[in-house]
């Protein structure tokens, strides 16, 4: 007498059940994952701003010229680092607009322009200037933000850059 052999494998019902459970778990995890990605992008942009402020300060000392970091006066999408010319007798130092072409007019020479990612914005119309002697600066702060968080980077009058704290 032969015993009928049993087929190995999964039934379609078992496979569909596993697929539904995996779909529910994925739907629960996706919003948290998207928020984590948005937070990391914002932290990356804030860290880049801190690095660029340090770069501006070191370039001011190295070039023995004032260096500025200016956010876009007409929007919240970018900023420019530029070296200023020797003092102009007219008192006009010019300015930079990272969305214009050319980016700097009236004297400054562009060193670097940063375009922010789509979901991150920056405080508009901020100008921080580092002086060549001792790297001092005009005290101010710049914020980068997305829809849920804001990180503020401060620059003290002595040129010290105070990074954000997440």
C-alpha atoms as a PDB file:
ATOM      1  CA  UNK A   1       0.000   0.000   0.000  1.00  0.00           C
ATOM      2  CA  UNK A   2       1.367   3.347  -1.073  1.00  0.00           C
ATOM      3  CA  UNK A   3       0.964   6.438   1.055  1.00  0.00           C
ATOM      4  CA  UNK A   4       0.196   9.469  -1.068  1.00  0.00           C
ATOM      5  CA  UNK A   5       3.113  11.946  -0.983  1.00  0.00           C
ATOM      6  CA  UNK A   6       2.514  15.453   0.108  1.00  0.00           C
ATOM      7  CA  UNK A   7       3.537  18.311  -2.196  1.00  0.00           C
ATOM      8  CA  UNK A   8       6.062  20.746  -0.717  1.00  0.00           C
ATOM      9  CA  UNK A   9       5.453  24.516  -1.069  1.00  0.00           C
ATOM     10  CA  UNK A  10       3.075  27.321  -0.163  1.00  0.00           C
ATOM     11  CA  UNK A  11      -0.519  27.806  -1.094  1.00  0.00           C
ATOM     12  CA  UNK A  12      -1.706  30.992  -2.744  1.00  0.00           C
ATOM     13  CA  UNK A  13      -3.621  31.864   0.428  1.00  0.00           C
ATOM     14  CA  UNK A  14      -0.452  31.654   2.525  1.00  0.00           C
ATOM     15  CA  UNK A  15       1.491  33.812   0.054  1.00  0.00           C
ATOM     16  CA  UNK A  16      -1.255  36.456  -0.063  1.00  0.00           C
ATOM     17  CA  UNK A  17      -1.410  36.560   3.748  1.00  0.00           C
ATOM     18  CA  UNK A  18       2.344  37.195   3.957  1.00  0.00           C
ATOM     19  CA  UNK A  19       2.095  39.917   1.280  1.00  0.00           C
ATOM     20  CA  UNK A  20      -0.729  41.707   3.157  1.00  0.00           C
ATOM     21  CA  UNK A  21       1.189  41.604   6.445  1.00  0.00           C
ATOM     22  CA  UNK A  22       4.361  42.941   4.732  1.00  0.00           C
ATOM     23  CA  UNK A  23       2.337  45.736   3.105  1.00  0.00           C
ATOM     24  CA  UNK A  24       0.809  46.800   6.426  1.00  0.00           C
ATOM     25  CA  UNK A  25       4.224  46.846   8.129  1.00  0.00           C
ATOM     26  CA  UNK A  26       5.707  48.870   5.270  1.00  0.00           C
ATOM     27  CA  UNK A  27       2.838  51.379   5.395  1.00  0.00           C
ATOM     28  CA  UNK A  28       3.414  51.840   9.141  1.00  0.00           C
ATOM     29  CA  UNK A  29       7.194  52.340   8.778  1.00  0.00           C
ATOM     30  CA  UNK A  30       7.221  54.643   5.729  1.00  0.00           C
ATOM     31  CA  UNK A  31       6.157  57.955   7.403  1.00  0.00           C
ATOM     32  CA  UNK A  32       8.816  57.550  10.091  1.00  0.00           C
ATOM     33  CA  UNK A  33      11.422  56.803   7.425  1.00  0.00           C
ATOM     34  CA  UNK A  34      10.451  59.887   5.380  1.00  0.00           C
ATOM     35  CA  UNK A  35      10.696  62.124   8.458  1.00  0.00           C
ATOM     36  CA  UNK A  36      14.124  60.686   9.260  1.00  0.00           C
ATOM     37  CA  UNK A  37      15.316  61.420   5.717  1.00  0.00           C
ATOM     38  CA  UNK A  38      13.984  65.002   5.886  1.00  0.00           C
ATOM     39  CA  UNK A  39      15.687  65.572   9.250  1.00  0.00           C
ATOM     40  CA  UNK A  40      19.007  64.221   7.929  1.00  0.00           C
ATOM     41  CA  UNK A  41      18.811  66.461   4.835  1.00  0.00           C
ATOM     42  CA  UNK A  42      18.182  69.478   7.078  1.00  0.00           C
ATOM     43  CA  UNK A  43      21.059  68.547   9.395  1.00  0.00           C
ATOM     44  CA  UNK A  44      23.313  68.114   6.358  1.00  0.00           C
ATOM     45  CA  UNK A  45      22.448  71.598   5.069  1.00  0.00           C
ATOM     46  CA  UNK A  46      22.975  73.115   8.542  1.00  0.00           C
ATOM     47  CA  UNK A  47      26.359  71.387   8.827  1.00  0.00           C
ATOM     48  CA  UNK A  48      27.317  72.672   5.381  1.00  0.00           C
ATOM     49  CA  UNK A  49      26.385  76.207   6.483  1.00  0.00           C
ATOM     50  CA  UNK A  50      28.637  75.885   9.559  1.00  0.00           C
ATOM     51  CA  UNK A  51      31.470  74.638   7.332  1.00  0.00           C
ATOM     52  CA  UNK A  52      30.977  77.493   4.865  1.00  0.00           C
ATOM     53  CA  UNK A  53      30.993  80.078   7.655  1.00  0.00           C
ATOM     54  CA  UNK A  54      34.294  78.602   8.884  1.00  0.00           C
ATOM     55  CA  UNK A  55      35.573  78.676   5.294  1.00  0.00           C
ATOM     56  CA  UNK A  56      34.623  82.356   4.957  1.00  0.00           C
ATOM     57  CA  UNK A  57      36.411  83.197   8.205  1.00  0.00           C
ATOM     58  CA  UNK A  58      39.590  81.331   7.220  1.00  0.00           C
ATOM     59  CA  UNK A  59      39.600  82.894   3.736  1.00  0.00           C
ATOM     60  CA  UNK A  60      39.302  86.375   5.260  1.00  0.00           C
ATOM     61  CA  UNK A  61      42.406  85.782   7.350  1.00  0.00           C
ATOM     62  CA  UNK A  62      44.328  83.983   4.558  1.00  0.00           C
ATOM     63  CA  UNK A  63      43.567  86.570   1.849  1.00  0.00           C
ATOM     64  CA  UNK A  64      43.792  89.571   4.207  1.00  0.00           C
ATOM     65  CA  UNK A  65      40.451  90.751   2.783  1.00  0.00           C
ATOM     66  CA  UNK A  66      36.928  90.830   4.155  1.00  0.00           C
ATOM     67  CA  UNK A  67      34.819  87.836   3.149  1.00  0.00           C
ATOM     68  CA  UNK A  68      31.035  87.712   3.248  1.00  0.00           C
ATOM     69  CA  UNK A  69      28.378  85.054   3.349  1.00  0.00           C
ATOM     70  CA  UNK A  70      25.114  86.415   1.964  1.00  0.00           C
ATOM     71  CA  UNK A  71      21.777  84.652   1.706  1.00  0.00           C
ATOM     72  CA  UNK A  72      19.520  85.366  -1.231  1.00  0.00           C
ATOM     73  CA  UNK A  73      17.675  88.675  -0.763  1.00  0.00           C
ATOM     74  CA  UNK A  74      14.789  87.553  -2.972  1.00  0.00           C
ATOM     75  CA  UNK A  75      14.138  84.010  -1.772  1.00  0.00           C
ATOM     76  CA  UNK A  76      15.092  81.187   0.519  1.00  0.00           C
ATOM     77  CA  UNK A  77      16.948  78.842  -1.804  1.00  0.00           C
ATOM     78  CA  UNK A  78      20.673  79.609  -1.683  1.00  0.00           C
ATOM     79  CA  UNK A  79      23.639  81.574  -0.334  1.00  0.00           C
ATOM     80  CA  UNK A  80      26.977  82.848  -1.650  1.00  0.00           C
ATOM     81  CA  UNK A  81      30.434  83.189  -0.110  1.00  0.00           C
ATOM     82  CA  UNK A  82      32.464  86.006  -1.703  1.00  0.00           C
ATOM     83  CA  UNK A  83      35.645  87.971  -1.072  1.00  0.00           C
ATOM     84  CA  UNK A  84      35.303  91.754  -0.963  1.00  0.00           C
ATOM     85  CA  UNK A  85      37.672  94.041  -2.870  1.00  0.00           C
ATOM     86  CA  UNK A  86      39.946  96.548  -1.208  1.00  0.00           C
ATOM     87  CA  UNK A  87      37.905  99.250   0.507  1.00  0.00           C
ATOM     88  CA  UNK A  88      36.110 101.340  -2.073  1.00  0.00           C
ATOM     89  CA  UNK A  89      36.419 105.118  -1.508  1.00  0.00           C
ATOM     90  CA  UNK A  90      32.735 105.508  -2.428  1.00  0.00           C
ATOM     91  CA  UNK A  91      31.759 103.176   0.430  1.00  0.00           C
ATOM     92  CA  UNK A  92      29.900 100.815  -1.891  1.00  0.00           C
ATOM     93  CA  UNK A  93      30.957  97.238  -1.304  1.00  0.00           C
ATOM     94  CA  UNK A  94      28.504  95.666  -3.764  1.00  0.00           C
ATOM     95  CA  UNK A  95      26.428  92.594  -3.065  1.00  0.00           C
ATOM     96  CA  UNK A  96      25.714  89.021  -4.119  1.00  0.00           C
ATOM     97  CA  UNK A  97      22.500  87.339  -5.217  1.00  0.00           C
ATOM     98  CA  UNK A  98      22.926  83.606  -5.720  1.00  0.00           C
ATOM     99  CA  UNK A  99      20.054  83.393  -8.230  1.00  0.00           C
ATOM    100  CA  UNK A 100      21.311  86.199 -10.487  1.00  0.00           C
ATOM    101  CA  UNK A 101      23.859  86.081 -13.251  1.00  0.00           C
ATOM    102  CA  UNK A 102      26.484  87.257 -12.484  1.00  0.00           C
ATOM    103  CA  UNK A 103      26.034  86.351  -8.855  1.00  0.00           C
ATOM    104  CA  UNK A 104      28.094  89.197  -7.402  1.00  0.00           C
ATOM    105  CA  UNK A 105      28.013  92.811  -8.577  1.00  0.00           C
ATOM    106  CA  UNK A 106      29.786  95.970  -7.509  1.00  0.00           C
ATOM    107  CA  UNK A 107      33.055  94.416  -6.408  1.00  0.00           C
ATOM    108  CA  UNK A 108      32.790  91.073  -4.543  1.00  0.00           C
ATOM    109  CA  UNK A 109      34.322  87.988  -6.146  1.00  0.00           C
ATOM    110  CA  UNK A 110      32.322  84.768  -5.720  1.00  0.00           C
ATOM    111  CA  UNK A 111      34.144  81.929  -3.977  1.00  0.00           C
ATOM    112  CA  UNK A 112      31.273  79.497  -3.532  1.00  0.00           C
ATOM    113  CA  UNK A 113      27.510  79.309  -4.032  1.00  0.00           C
ATOM    114  CA  UNK A 114      25.309  76.720  -2.351  1.00  0.00           C
ATOM    115  CA  UNK A 115      21.870  75.782  -3.686  1.00  0.00           C
ATOM    116  CA  UNK A 116      19.722  74.183  -0.983  1.00  0.00           C
ATOM    117  CA  UNK A 117      17.662  71.031  -1.492  1.00  0.00           C
ATOM    118  CA  UNK A 118      13.990  71.498  -2.398  1.00  0.00           C
ATOM    119  CA  UNK A 119      12.531  70.936   1.063  1.00  0.00           C
ATOM    120  CA  UNK A 120      15.053  73.108   2.981  1.00  0.00           C
ATOM    121  CA  UNK A 121      15.000  76.917   3.157  1.00  0.00           C
ATOM    122  CA  UNK A 122      17.277  79.544   4.708  1.00  0.00           C
ATOM    123  CA  UNK A 123      16.722  82.944   6.306  1.00  0.00           C
ATOM    124  CA  UNK A 124      16.477  85.573   3.571  1.00  0.00           C
ATOM    125  CA  UNK A 125      18.665  88.632   3.125  1.00  0.00           C
ATOM    126  CA  UNK A 126      21.307  87.907   5.783  1.00  0.00           C
ATOM    127  CA  UNK A 127      24.835  89.216   5.413  1.00  0.00           C
ATOM    128  CA  UNK A 128      27.683  88.065   7.634  1.00  0.00           C
ATOM    129  CA  UNK A 129      31.072  89.661   6.972  1.00  0.00           C
ATOM    130  CA  UNK A 130      34.334  88.331   8.407  1.00  0.00           C
ATOM    131  CA  UNK A 131      37.165  90.837   8.797  1.00  0.00           C
ATOM    132  CA  UNK A 132      40.753  89.806   8.009  1.00  0.00           C
ATOM    133  CA  UNK A 133      42.223  90.921  11.340  1.00  0.00           C
ATOM    134  CA  UNK A 134      41.467  88.255  13.952  1.00  0.00           C
ATOM    135  CA  UNK A 135      38.515  86.935  11.899  1.00  0.00           C
ATOM    136  CA  UNK A 136      35.955  89.087  13.680  1.00  0.00           C
ATOM    137  CA  UNK A 137      32.430  89.381  12.276  1.00  0.00           C
ATOM    138  CA  UNK A 138      29.171  91.221  12.609  1.00  0.00           C
ATOM    139  CA  UNK A 139      27.161  89.222  15.157  1.00  0.00           C
ATOM    140  CA  UNK A 140      24.131  87.581  13.581  1.00  0.00           C
ATOM    141  CA  UNK A 141      22.433  84.241  13.070  1.00  0.00           C
ATOM    142  CA  UNK A 142      21.073  82.278  10.125  1.00  0.00           C
ATOM    143  CA  UNK A 143      18.374  79.615  10.280  1.00  0.00           C
ATOM    144  CA  UNK A 144      17.823  76.669   7.986  1.00  0.00           C
ATOM    145  CA  UNK A 145      14.438  75.001   8.216  1.00  0.00           C
ATOM    146  CA  UNK A 146      12.051  72.503   6.703  1.00  0.00           C
ATOM    147  CA  UNK A 147       8.356  72.042   7.475  1.00  0.00           C
ATOM    148  CA  UNK A 148       8.967  70.456  10.882  1.00  0.00           C
ATOM    149  CA  UNK A 149      12.329  71.712  12.231  1.00  0.00           C
ATOM    150  CA  UNK A 150      14.518  74.805  12.388  1.00  0.00           C
ATOM    151  CA  UNK A 151      18.256  74.867  13.108  1.00  0.00           C
ATOM    152  CA  UNK A 152      19.932  78.193  13.869  1.00  0.00           C
ATOM    153  CA  UNK A 153      23.651  78.837  13.391  1.00  0.00           C
ATOM    154  CA  UNK A 154      25.012  81.898  15.214  1.00  0.00           C
ATOM    155  CA  UNK A 155      28.120  83.983  14.627  1.00  0.00           C
ATOM    156  CA  UNK A 156      29.461  86.000  17.555  1.00  0.00           C
ATOM    157  CA  UNK A 157      31.174  89.381  17.184  1.00  0.00           C
ATOM    158  CA  UNK A 158      34.549  87.747  17.868  1.00  0.00           C
ATOM    159  CA  UNK A 159      33.953  85.502  14.818  1.00  0.00           C
ATOM    160  CA  UNK A 160      33.128  82.388  16.825  1.00  0.00           C
ATOM    161  CA  UNK A 161      30.659  80.174  14.974  1.00  0.00           C
ATOM    162  CA  UNK A 162      28.122  78.500  17.251  1.00  0.00           C
ATOM    163  CA  UNK A 163      26.649  75.486  15.449  1.00  0.00           C
ATOM    164  CA  UNK A 164      23.082  74.301  15.886  1.00  0.00           C
ATOM    165  CA  UNK A 165      22.170  71.645  18.419  1.00  0.00           C
ATOM    166  CA  UNK A 166      19.783  68.987  17.076  1.00  0.00           C
END
